[in-house]
Amino acid sequence: MVEKIVDRVENTYWKFELSEFQFWVVGFSKFTGEWQTTELGQNNILINYTYTLHGGQPILYPLQWLFAKLIWRPYMKRVLKNIRLLISNQVPFKYTDKPD
């Protein structure tokens, strides 16, 4: 699949897209995600994360709903748990457009 950054305001907002899947993903054409951060105080940041799964074949909507509820939602909860762990361990984070 291809992952691309659609929009980014450093340390405030990121919008990304996953597309061009090399495997069948229950008829989804792409996934989009958005992170918006709001500083609430010193060492206190609110992260609002939303994601959208894009499908275009109505016959697959029941399967897509199941995928979103049974696979994608638990996966994203694990992602957020891992991010909390990185934050609590004060792991430095560096964004780059190019792989190392």
PDB file of N, CA and C in Angstrom:
ATOM      1  N   MET A   1       0.834  -1.167   0.000  1.00  0.00           N
ATOM      2  CA  MET A   1       0.000   0.000   0.000  1.00  0.00           C
ATOM      3  C   MET A   1       0.884   1.238   0.000  1.00  0.00           C
ATOM      4  N   VAL A   2       0.289   2.338  -0.336  1.00  0.00           N
ATOM      5  CA  VAL A   2       0.999   3.612  -0.343  1.00  0.00           C
ATOM      6  C   VAL A   2       0.457   4.460   0.801  1.00  0.00           C
ATOM      7  N   GLU A   3       1.364   5.011   1.590  1.00  0.00           N
ATOM      8  CA  GLU A   3       0.982   5.936   2.652  1.00  0.00           C
ATOM      9  C   GLU A   3       1.509   7.301   2.280  1.00  0.00           C
ATOM     10  N   LYS A   4       0.632   8.299   2.322  1.00  0.00           N
ATOM     11  CA  LYS A   4       1.097   9.649   2.009  1.00  0.00           C
ATOM     12  C   LYS A   4       0.505  10.641   3.002  1.00  0.00           C
ATOM     13  N   ILE A   5       1.271  11.691   3.267  1.00  0.00           N
ATOM     14  CA  ILE A   5       0.815  12.782   4.106  1.00  0.00           C
ATOM     15  C   ILE A   5       0.053  13.742   3.189  1.00  0.00           C
ATOM     16  N   VAL A   6      -1.205  13.980   3.508  1.00  0.00           N
ATOM     17  CA  VAL A   6      -2.056  14.849   2.701  1.00  0.00           C
ATOM     18  C   VAL A   6      -1.900  16.299   3.142  1.00  0.00           C
ATOM     19  N   ASP A   7      -1.810  16.507   4.451  1.00  0.00           N
ATOM     20  CA  ASP A   7      -1.683  17.857   4.999  1.00  0.00           C
ATOM     21  C   ASP A   7      -0.967  17.748   6.339  1.00  0.00           C
ATOM     22  N   ARG A   8      -0.162  18.752   6.655  1.00  0.00           N
ATOM     23  CA  ARG A   8       0.556  18.723   7.923  1.00  0.00           C
ATOM     24  C   ARG A   8       0.864  20.135   8.387  1.00  0.00           C
ATOM     25  N   VAL A   9       0.525  20.409   9.615  1.00  0.00           N
ATOM     26  CA  VAL A   9       0.943  21.617  10.309  1.00  0.00           C
ATOM     27  C   VAL A   9       1.734  21.098  11.503  1.00  0.00           C
ATOM     28  N   GLU A  10       3.031  21.319  11.496  1.00  0.00           N
ATOM     29  CA  GLU A  10       3.924  20.706  12.473  1.00  0.00           C
ATOM     30  C   GLU A  10       3.422  20.881  13.905  1.00  0.00           C
ATOM     31  N   ASN A  11       3.390  19.762  14.619  1.00  0.00           N
ATOM     32  CA  ASN A  11       2.983  19.691  16.025  1.00  0.00           C
ATOM     33  C   ASN A  11       1.534  20.110  16.291  1.00  0.00           C
ATOM     34  N   THR A  12       0.715  20.191  15.241  1.00  0.00           N
ATOM     35  CA  THR A  12      -0.674  20.605  15.419  1.00  0.00           C
ATOM     36  C   THR A  12      -1.649  19.689  14.693  1.00  0.00           C
ATOM     37  N   TYR A  13      -1.357  19.368  13.436  1.00  0.00           N
ATOM     38  CA  TYR A  13      -2.329  18.655  12.611  1.00  0.00           C
ATOM     39  C   TYR A  13      -1.623  17.826  11.553  1.00  0.00           C
ATOM     40  N   TRP A  14      -2.095  16.583  11.375  1.00  0.00           N
ATOM     41  CA  TRP A  14      -1.610  15.714  10.313  1.00  0.00           C
ATOM     42  C   TRP A  14      -2.812  15.027   9.683  1.00  0.00           C
ATOM     43  N   LYS A  15      -2.824  14.963   8.381  1.00  0.00           N
ATOM     44  CA  LYS A  15      -3.821  14.153   7.682  1.00  0.00           C
ATOM     45  C   LYS A  15      -3.044  13.236   6.750  1.00  0.00           C
ATOM     46  N   PHE A  16      -3.348  11.940   6.833  1.00  0.00           N
ATOM     47  CA  PHE A  16      -2.634  10.977   6.005  1.00  0.00           C
ATOM     48  C   PHE A  16      -3.626  10.048   5.322  1.00  0.00           C
ATOM     49  N   GLU A  17      -3.123   9.362   4.310  1.00  0.00           N
ATOM     50  CA  GLU A  17      -3.976   8.478   3.510  1.00  0.00           C
ATOM     51  C   GLU A  17      -3.225   7.193   3.205  1.00  0.00           C
ATOM     52  N   LEU A  18      -3.922   6.082   3.326  1.00  0.00           N
ATOM     53  CA  LEU A  18      -3.405   4.777   2.908  1.00  0.00           C
ATOM     54  C   LEU A  18      -4.227   4.346   1.699  1.00  0.00           C
ATOM     55  N   SER A  19      -3.558   3.998   0.606  1.00  0.00           N
ATOM     56  CA  SER A  19      -4.278   3.616  -0.616  1.00  0.00           C
ATOM     57  C   SER A  19      -3.433   2.657  -1.447  1.00  0.00           C
ATOM     58  N   GLU A  20      -3.915   2.338  -2.617  1.00  0.00           N
ATOM     59  CA  GLU A  20      -3.231   1.433  -3.553  1.00  0.00           C
ATOM     60  C   GLU A  20      -2.836   0.124  -2.860  1.00  0.00           C
ATOM     61  N   PHE A  21      -3.807  -0.498  -2.220  1.00  0.00           N
ATOM     62  CA  PHE A  21      -3.562  -1.736  -1.496  1.00  0.00           C
ATOM     63  C   PHE A  21      -3.116  -2.842  -2.435  1.00  0.00           C
ATOM     64  N   GLN A  22      -2.149  -3.630  -2.001  1.00  0.00           N
ATOM     65  CA  GLN A  22      -1.647  -4.756  -2.784  1.00  0.00           C
ATOM     66  C   GLN A  22      -2.387  -6.043  -2.434  1.00  0.00           C
ATOM     67  N   PHE A  23      -3.387  -5.919  -1.565  1.00  0.00           N
ATOM     68  CA  PHE A  23      -4.184  -7.065  -1.150  1.00  0.00           C
ATOM     69  C   PHE A  23      -5.625  -6.594  -1.026  1.00  0.00           C
ATOM     70  N   TRP A  24      -6.546  -7.512  -1.055  1.00  0.00           N
ATOM     71  CA  TRP A  24      -7.963  -7.173  -0.987  1.00  0.00           C
ATOM     72  C   TRP A  24      -8.322  -6.807   0.443  1.00  0.00           C
ATOM     73  N   VAL A  25      -8.869  -5.625   0.643  1.00  0.00           N
ATOM     74  CA  VAL A  25      -9.222  -5.145   1.977  1.00  0.00           C
ATOM     75  C   VAL A  25     -10.733  -4.909   2.030  1.00  0.00           C
ATOM     76  N   VAL A  26     -11.499  -5.952   1.843  1.00  0.00           N
ATOM     77  CA  VAL A  26     -12.951  -5.938   1.949  1.00  0.00           C
ATOM     78  C   VAL A  26     -13.567  -4.832   1.100  1.00  0.00           C
ATOM     79  N   GLY A  27     -12.959  -4.514  -0.032  1.00  0.00           N
ATOM     80  CA  GLY A  27     -13.521  -3.531  -0.952  1.00  0.00           C
ATOM     81  C   GLY A  27     -13.232  -2.079  -0.618  1.00  0.00           C
ATOM     82  N   PHE A  28     -12.400  -1.813   0.408  1.00  0.00           N
ATOM     83  CA  PHE A  28     -12.053  -0.428   0.708  1.00  0.00           C
ATOM     84  C   PHE A  28     -11.100   0.109  -0.348  1.00  0.00           C
ATOM     85  N   SER A  29     -11.306   1.366  -0.742  1.00  0.00           N
ATOM     86  CA  SER A  29     -10.410   1.990  -1.711  1.00  0.00           C
ATOM     87  C   SER A  29      -9.272   2.738  -1.034  1.00  0.00           C
ATOM     88  N   LYS A  30      -9.534   3.272   0.160  1.00  0.00           N
ATOM     89  CA  LYS A  30      -8.482   3.961   0.913  1.00  0.00           C
ATOM     90  C   LYS A  30      -8.942   4.160   2.352  1.00  0.00           C
ATOM     91  N   PHE A  31      -7.972   4.442   3.196  1.00  0.00           N
ATOM     92  CA  PHE A  31      -8.215   4.820   4.589  1.00  0.00           C
ATOM     93  C   PHE A  31      -7.616   6.211   4.753  1.00  0.00           C
ATOM     94  N   THR A  32      -8.291   7.096   5.460  1.00  0.00           N
ATOM     95  CA  THR A  32      -7.709   8.390   5.801  1.00  0.00           C
ATOM     96  C   THR A  32      -7.748   8.556   7.311  1.00  0.00           C
ATOM     97  N   GLY A  33      -6.756   9.227   7.822  1.00  0.00           N
ATOM     98  CA  GLY A  33      -6.686   9.493   9.253  1.00  0.00           C
ATOM     99  C   GLY A  33      -6.264  10.920   9.492  1.00  0.00           C
ATOM    100  N   GLU A  34      -6.728  11.478  10.600  1.00  0.00           N
ATOM    101  CA  GLU A  34      -6.360  12.843  10.972  1.00  0.00           C
ATOM    102  C   GLU A  34      -6.010  12.880  12.455  1.00  0.00           C
ATOM    103  N   TRP A  35      -4.904  13.557  12.758  1.00  0.00           N
ATOM    104  CA  TRP A  35      -4.482  13.809  14.137  1.00  0.00           C
ATOM    105  C   TRP A  35      -4.533  15.317  14.342  1.00  0.00           C
ATOM    106  N   GLN A  36      -5.203  15.740  15.389  1.00  0.00           N
ATOM    107  CA  GLN A  36      -5.191  17.149  15.747  1.00  0.00           C
ATOM    108  C   GLN A  36      -4.805  17.240  17.213  1.00  0.00           C
ATOM    109  N   THR A  37      -3.800  18.047  17.505  1.00  0.00           N
ATOM    110  CA  THR A  37      -3.330  18.172  18.880  1.00  0.00           C
ATOM    111  C   THR A  37      -3.671  19.553  19.419  1.00  0.00           C
ATOM    112  N   THR A  38      -4.015  19.579  20.697  1.00  0.00           N
ATOM    113  CA  THR A  38      -4.311  20.828  21.389  1.00  0.00           C
ATOM    114  C   THR A  38      -3.570  20.801  22.716  1.00  0.00           C
ATOM    115  N   GLU A  39      -2.731  21.806  22.929  1.00  0.00           N
ATOM    116  CA  GLU A  39      -2.013  21.874  24.196  1.00  0.00           C
ATOM    117  C   GLU A  39      -2.964  22.396  25.264  1.00  0.00           C
ATOM    118  N   LEU A  40      -3.154  21.595  26.310  1.00  0.00           N
ATOM    119  CA  LEU A  40      -4.057  21.961  27.394  1.00  0.00           C
ATOM    120  C   LEU A  40      -3.306  22.610  28.560  1.00  0.00           C
ATOM    121  N   GLY A  41      -2.021  22.433  28.582  1.00  0.00           N
ATOM    122  CA  GLY A  41      -1.186  22.977  29.647  1.00  0.00           C
ATOM    123  C   GLY A  41       0.191  22.371  29.525  1.00  0.00           C
ATOM    124  N   GLN A  42       1.060  22.707  30.460  1.00  0.00           N
ATOM    125  CA  GLN A  42       2.416  22.163  30.404  1.00  0.00           C
ATOM    126  C   GLN A  42       2.372  20.650  30.549  1.00  0.00           C
ATOM    127  N   ASN A  43       2.989  19.945  29.602  1.00  0.00           N
ATOM    128  CA  ASN A  43       3.031  18.475  29.571  1.00  0.00           C
ATOM    129  C   ASN A  43       1.643  17.839  29.532  1.00  0.00           C
ATOM    130  N   ASN A  44       0.688  18.534  28.930  1.00  0.00           N
ATOM    131  CA  ASN A  44      -0.686  18.031  28.841  1.00  0.00           C
ATOM    132  C   ASN A  44      -1.244  18.373  27.462  1.00  0.00           C
ATOM    133  N   ILE A  45      -1.326  17.356  26.589  1.00  0.00           N
ATOM    134  CA  ILE A  45      -1.762  17.576  25.212  1.00  0.00           C
ATOM    135  C   ILE A  45      -2.919  16.643  24.896  1.00  0.00           C
ATOM    136  N   LEU A  46      -3.951  17.207  24.334  1.00  0.00           N
ATOM    137  CA  LEU A  46      -5.100  16.431  23.870  1.00  0.00           C
ATOM    138  C   LEU A  46      -4.851  16.053  22.420  1.00  0.00           C
ATOM    139  N   ILE A  47      -5.010  14.766  22.093  1.00  0.00           N
ATOM    140  CA  ILE A  47      -4.893  14.309  20.710  1.00  0.00           C
ATOM    141  C   ILE A  47      -6.260  13.813  20.268  1.00  0.00           C
ATOM    142  N   ASN A  48      -6.797  14.433  19.237  1.00  0.00           N
ATOM    143  CA  ASN A  48      -8.064  14.008  18.646  1.00  0.00           C
ATOM    144  C   ASN A  48      -7.729  13.265  17.355  1.00  0.00           C
ATOM    145  N   TYR A  49      -8.001  11.983  17.345  1.00  0.00           N
ATOM    146  CA  TYR A  49      -7.670  11.150  16.192  1.00  0.00           C
ATOM    147  C   TYR A  49      -8.955  10.619  15.573  1.00  0.00           C
ATOM    148  N   THR A  50      -9.129  10.856  14.293  1.00  0.00           N
ATOM    149  CA  THR A  50     -10.286  10.315  13.577  1.00  0.00           C
ATOM    150  C   THR A  50      -9.783   9.571  12.350  1.00  0.00           C
ATOM    151  N   TYR A  51     -10.522   8.577  11.955  1.00  0.00           N
ATOM    152  CA  TYR A  51     -10.173   7.848  10.746  1.00  0.00           C
ATOM    153  C   TYR A  51     -11.441   7.566   9.955  1.00  0.00           C
ATOM    154  N   THR A  52     -11.250   7.454   8.651  1.00  0.00           N
ATOM    155  CA  THR A  52     -12.351   7.163   7.746  1.00  0.00           C
ATOM    156  C   THR A  52     -11.927   6.038   6.823  1.00  0.00           C
ATOM    157  N   LEU A  53     -12.788   5.048   6.682  1.00  0.00           N
ATOM    158  CA  LEU A  53     -12.548   3.930   5.766  1.00  0.00           C
ATOM    159  C   LEU A  53     -13.448   4.164   4.555  1.00  0.00           C
ATOM    160  N   HIS A  54     -12.868   4.247   3.393  1.00  0.00           N
ATOM    161  CA  HIS A  54     -13.608   4.587   2.180  1.00  0.00           C
ATOM    162  C   HIS A  54     -13.916   3.326   1.362  1.00  0.00           C
ATOM    163  N   GLY A  55     -15.177   3.079   1.155  1.00  0.00           N
ATOM    164  CA  GLY A  55     -15.625   1.964   0.329  1.00  0.00           C
ATOM    165  C   GLY A  55     -16.575   2.486  -0.740  1.00  0.00           C
ATOM    166  N   GLY A  56     -16.747   1.757  -1.809  1.00  0.00           N
ATOM    167  CA  GLY A  56     -17.605   2.246  -2.869  1.00  0.00           C
ATOM    168  C   GLY A  56     -18.556   1.204  -3.428  1.00  0.00           C
ATOM    169  N   GLN A  57     -18.585   0.037  -2.829  1.00  0.00           N
ATOM    170  CA  GLN A  57     -19.428  -1.038  -3.333  1.00  0.00           C
ATOM    171  C   GLN A  57     -20.478  -1.387  -2.278  1.00  0.00           C
ATOM    172  N   PRO A  58     -21.703  -0.877  -2.446  1.00  0.00           N
ATOM    173  CA  PRO A  58     -22.733  -1.073  -1.417  1.00  0.00           C
ATOM    174  C   PRO A  58     -22.955  -2.527  -1.008  1.00  0.00           C
ATOM    175  N   ILE A  59     -22.750  -3.456  -1.891  1.00  0.00           N
ATOM    176  CA  ILE A  59     -22.964  -4.861  -1.537  1.00  0.00           C
ATOM    177  C   ILE A  59     -21.982  -5.320  -0.457  1.00  0.00           C
ATOM    178  N   LEU A  60     -20.842  -4.638  -0.361  1.00  0.00           N
ATOM    179  CA  LEU A  60     -19.822  -5.006   0.624  1.00  0.00           C
ATOM    180  C   LEU A  60     -19.965  -4.255   1.947  1.00  0.00           C
ATOM    181  N   TYR A  61     -20.911  -3.325   2.050  1.00  0.00           N
ATOM    182  CA  TYR A  61     -21.046  -2.524   3.264  1.00  0.00           C
ATOM    183  C   TYR A  61     -21.168  -3.369   4.532  1.00  0.00           C
ATOM    184  N   PRO A  62     -21.952  -4.457   4.552  1.00  0.00           N
ATOM    185  CA  PRO A  62     -22.006  -5.257   5.791  1.00  0.00           C
ATOM    186  C   PRO A  62     -20.634  -5.830   6.186  1.00  0.00           C
ATOM    187  N   LEU A  63     -19.875  -6.307   5.215  1.00  0.00           N
ATOM    188  CA  LEU A  63     -18.523  -6.818   5.509  1.00  0.00           C
ATOM    189  C   LEU A  63     -17.591  -5.697   5.959  1.00  0.00           C
ATOM    190  N   GLN A  64     -17.735  -4.530   5.331  1.00  0.00           N
ATOM    191  CA  GLN A  64     -16.902  -3.397   5.708  1.00  0.00           C
ATOM    192  C   GLN A  64     -17.226  -2.940   7.127  1.00  0.00           C
ATOM    193  N   TRP A  65     -18.494  -2.957   7.493  1.00  0.00           N
ATOM    194  CA  TRP A  65     -18.898  -2.583   8.844  1.00  0.00           C
ATOM    195  C   TRP A  65     -18.269  -3.552   9.853  1.00  0.00           C
ATOM    196  N   LEU A  66     -18.349  -4.849   9.552  1.00  0.00           N
ATOM    197  CA  LEU A  66     -17.739  -5.847  10.438  1.00  0.00           C
ATOM    198  C   LEU A  66     -16.227  -5.654  10.549  1.00  0.00           C
ATOM    199  N   PHE A  67     -15.579  -5.402   9.430  1.00  0.00           N
ATOM    200  CA  PHE A  67     -14.137  -5.160   9.427  1.00  0.00           C
ATOM    201  C   PHE A  67     -13.805  -3.960  10.321  1.00  0.00           C
ATOM    202  N   ALA A  68     -14.562  -2.875  10.169  1.00  0.00           N
ATOM    203  CA  ALA A  68     -14.308  -1.663  10.952  1.00  0.00           C
ATOM    204  C   ALA A  68     -14.495  -1.920  12.445  1.00  0.00           C
ATOM    205  N   LYS A  69     -15.538  -2.639  12.811  1.00  0.00           N
ATOM    206  CA  LYS A  69     -15.838  -2.879  14.225  1.00  0.00           C
ATOM    207  C   LYS A  69     -14.968  -3.958  14.856  1.00  0.00           C
ATOM    208  N   LEU A  70     -14.687  -5.029  14.121  1.00  0.00           N
ATOM    209  CA  LEU A  70     -13.995  -6.177  14.698  1.00  0.00           C
ATOM    210  C   LEU A  70     -12.481  -6.178  14.504  1.00  0.00           C
ATOM    211  N   ILE A  71     -12.004  -5.494  13.467  1.00  0.00           N
ATOM    212  CA  ILE A  71     -10.568  -5.517  13.182  1.00  0.00           C
ATOM    213  C   ILE A  71      -9.942  -4.132  13.319  1.00  0.00           C
ATOM    214  N   TRP A  72     -10.479  -3.145  12.600  1.00  0.00           N
ATOM    215  CA  TRP A  72      -9.850  -1.823  12.566  1.00  0.00           C
ATOM    216  C   TRP A  72      -9.933  -1.106  13.917  1.00  0.00           C
ATOM    217  N   ARG A  73     -11.104  -1.105  14.539  1.00  0.00           N
ATOM    218  CA  ARG A  73     -11.263  -0.410  15.824  1.00  0.00           C
ATOM    219  C   ARG A  73     -10.320  -0.975  16.894  1.00  0.00           C
ATOM    220  N   PRO A  74     -10.262  -2.298  17.098  1.00  0.00           N
ATOM    221  CA  PRO A  74      -9.301  -2.826  18.092  1.00  0.00           C
ATOM    222  C   PRO A  74      -7.844  -2.533  17.713  1.00  0.00           C
ATOM    223  N   TYR A  75      -7.541  -2.562  16.423  1.00  0.00           N
ATOM    224  CA  TYR A  75      -6.188  -2.246  15.969  1.00  0.00           C
ATOM    225  C   TYR A  75      -5.825  -0.811  16.350  1.00  0.00           C
ATOM    226  N   MET A  76      -6.734   0.130  16.106  1.00  0.00           N
ATOM    227  CA  MET A  76      -6.454   1.522  16.422  1.00  0.00           C
ATOM    228  C   MET A  76      -6.353   1.749  17.934  1.00  0.00           C
ATOM    229  N   LYS A  77      -7.109   1.000  18.714  1.00  0.00           N
ATOM    230  CA  LYS A  77      -6.980   1.101  20.170  1.00  0.00           C
ATOM    231  C   LYS A  77      -5.589   0.659  20.616  1.00  0.00           C
ATOM    232  N   ARG A  78      -5.040  -0.383  19.969  1.00  0.00           N
ATOM    233  CA  ARG A  78      -3.674  -0.826  20.286  1.00  0.00           C
ATOM    234  C   ARG A  78      -2.656   0.239  19.879  1.00  0.00           C
ATOM    235  N   VAL A  79      -2.892   0.887  18.734  1.00  0.00           N
ATOM    236  CA  VAL A  79      -1.996   1.959  18.291  1.00  0.00           C
ATOM    237  C   VAL A  79      -1.956   3.066  19.336  1.00  0.00           C
ATOM    238  N   LEU A  80      -3.124   3.505  19.799  1.00  0.00           N
ATOM    239  CA  LEU A  80      -3.168   4.569  20.800  1.00  0.00           C
ATOM    240  C   LEU A  80      -2.517   4.141  22.118  1.00  0.00           C
ATOM    241  N   LYS A  81      -2.704   2.886  22.489  1.00  0.00           N
ATOM    242  CA  LYS A  81      -2.059   2.362  23.701  1.00  0.00           C
ATOM    243  C   LYS A  81      -0.538   2.435  23.554  1.00  0.00           C
ATOM    244  N   ASN A  82      -0.031   2.060  22.376  1.00  0.00           N
ATOM    245  CA  ASN A  82       1.413   2.116  22.132  1.00  0.00           C
ATOM    246  C   ASN A  82       1.920   3.554  22.144  1.00  0.00           C
ATOM    247  N   ILE A  83       1.134   4.490  21.631  1.00  0.00           N
ATOM    248  CA  ILE A  83       1.539   5.902  21.646  1.00  0.00           C
ATOM    249  C   ILE A  83       1.608   6.404  23.087  1.00  0.00           C
ATOM    250  N   ARG A  84       0.617   6.030  23.904  1.00  0.00           N
ATOM    251  CA  ARG A  84       0.653   6.412  25.321  1.00  0.00           C
ATOM    252  C   ARG A  84       1.918   5.866  26.000  1.00  0.00           C
ATOM    253  N   LEU A  85       2.282   4.631  25.665  1.00  0.00           N
ATOM    254  CA  LEU A  85       3.478   4.023  26.240  1.00  0.00           C
ATOM    255  C   LEU A  85       4.740   4.778  25.808  1.00  0.00           C
ATOM    256  N   LEU A  86       4.822   5.151  24.533  1.00  0.00           N
ATOM    257  CA  LEU A  86       5.967   5.927  24.056  1.00  0.00           C
ATOM    258  C   LEU A  86       6.060   7.261  24.794  1.00  0.00           C
ATOM    259  N   ILE A  87       4.908   7.903  24.973  1.00  0.00           N
ATOM    260  CA  ILE A  87       4.892   9.190  25.669  1.00  0.00           C
ATOM    261  C   ILE A  87       5.322   9.026  27.122  1.00  0.00           C
ATOM    262  N   SER A  88       4.760   8.041  27.803  1.00  0.00           N
ATOM    263  CA  SER A  88       5.092   7.867  29.220  1.00  0.00           C
ATOM    264  C   SER A  88       6.564   7.491  29.419  1.00  0.00           C
ATOM    265  N   ASN A  89       7.176   6.862  28.422  1.00  0.00           N
ATOM    266  CA  ASN A  89       8.601   6.519  28.493  1.00  0.00           C
ATOM    267  C   ASN A  89       9.485   7.609  27.901  1.00  0.00           C
ATOM    268  N   GLN A  90       8.858   8.722  27.500  1.00  0.00           N
ATOM    269  CA  GLN A  90       9.554   9.876  26.932  1.00  0.00           C
ATOM    270  C   GLN A  90      10.468   9.501  25.766  1.00  0.00           C
ATOM    271  N   VAL A  91       9.950   8.648  24.894  1.00  0.00           N
ATOM    272  CA  VAL A  91      10.690   8.252  23.699  1.00  0.00           C
ATOM    273  C   VAL A  91      10.650   9.413  22.704  1.00  0.00           C
ATOM    274  N   PRO A  92      11.814   9.881  22.228  1.00  0.00           N
ATOM    275  CA  PRO A  92      11.802  11.000  21.277  1.00  0.00           C
ATOM    276  C   PRO A  92      11.165  10.578  19.955  1.00  0.00           C
ATOM    277  N   PHE A  93      10.450  11.485  19.350  1.00  0.00           N
ATOM    278  CA  PHE A  93       9.788  11.220  18.084  1.00  0.00           C
ATOM    279  C   PHE A  93      10.298  12.205  17.055  1.00  0.00           C
ATOM    280  N   LYS A  94      10.628  11.684  15.887  1.00  0.00           N
ATOM    281  CA  LYS A  94      11.113  12.529  14.806  1.00  0.00           C
ATOM    282  C   LYS A  94      10.369  12.150  13.542  1.00  0.00           C
ATOM    283  N   TYR A  95       9.758  13.140  12.900  1.00  0.00           N
ATOM    284  CA  TYR A  95       9.080  12.912  11.622  1.00  0.00           C
ATOM    285  C   TYR A  95      10.041  13.282  10.504  1.00  0.00           C
ATOM    286  N   THR A  96      10.044  12.450   9.468  1.00  0.00           N
ATOM    287  CA  THR A  96      10.839  12.763   8.293  1.00  0.00           C
ATOM    288  C   THR A  96      10.081  12.306   7.055  1.00  0.00           C
ATOM    289  N   ASP A  97      10.241  13.035   5.960  1.00  0.00           N
ATOM    290  CA  ASP A  97       9.607  12.661   4.710  1.00  0.00           C
ATOM    291  C   ASP A  97      10.344  11.515   4.023  1.00  0.00           C
ATOM    292  N   LYS A  98      11.584  11.288   4.424  1.00  0.00           N
ATOM    293  CA  LYS A  98      12.423  10.284   3.769  1.00  0.00           C
ATOM    294  C   LYS A  98      12.811   9.203   4.766  1.00  0.00           C
ATOM    295  N   PRO A  99      12.745   7.936   4.351  1.00  0.00           N
ATOM    296  CA  PRO A  99      13.182   6.868   5.260  1.00  0.00           C
ATOM    297  C   PRO A  99      14.685   6.935   5.510  1.00  0.00           C
ATOM    298  N   ASP A 100      15.089   6.462   6.703  1.00  0.00           N
ATOM    299  CA  ASP A 100      16.526   6.446   7.047  1.00  0.00           C
ATOM    300  C   ASP A 100      17.289   5.469   6.201  1.00  0.00           C
TER     301      ASP A 100
END
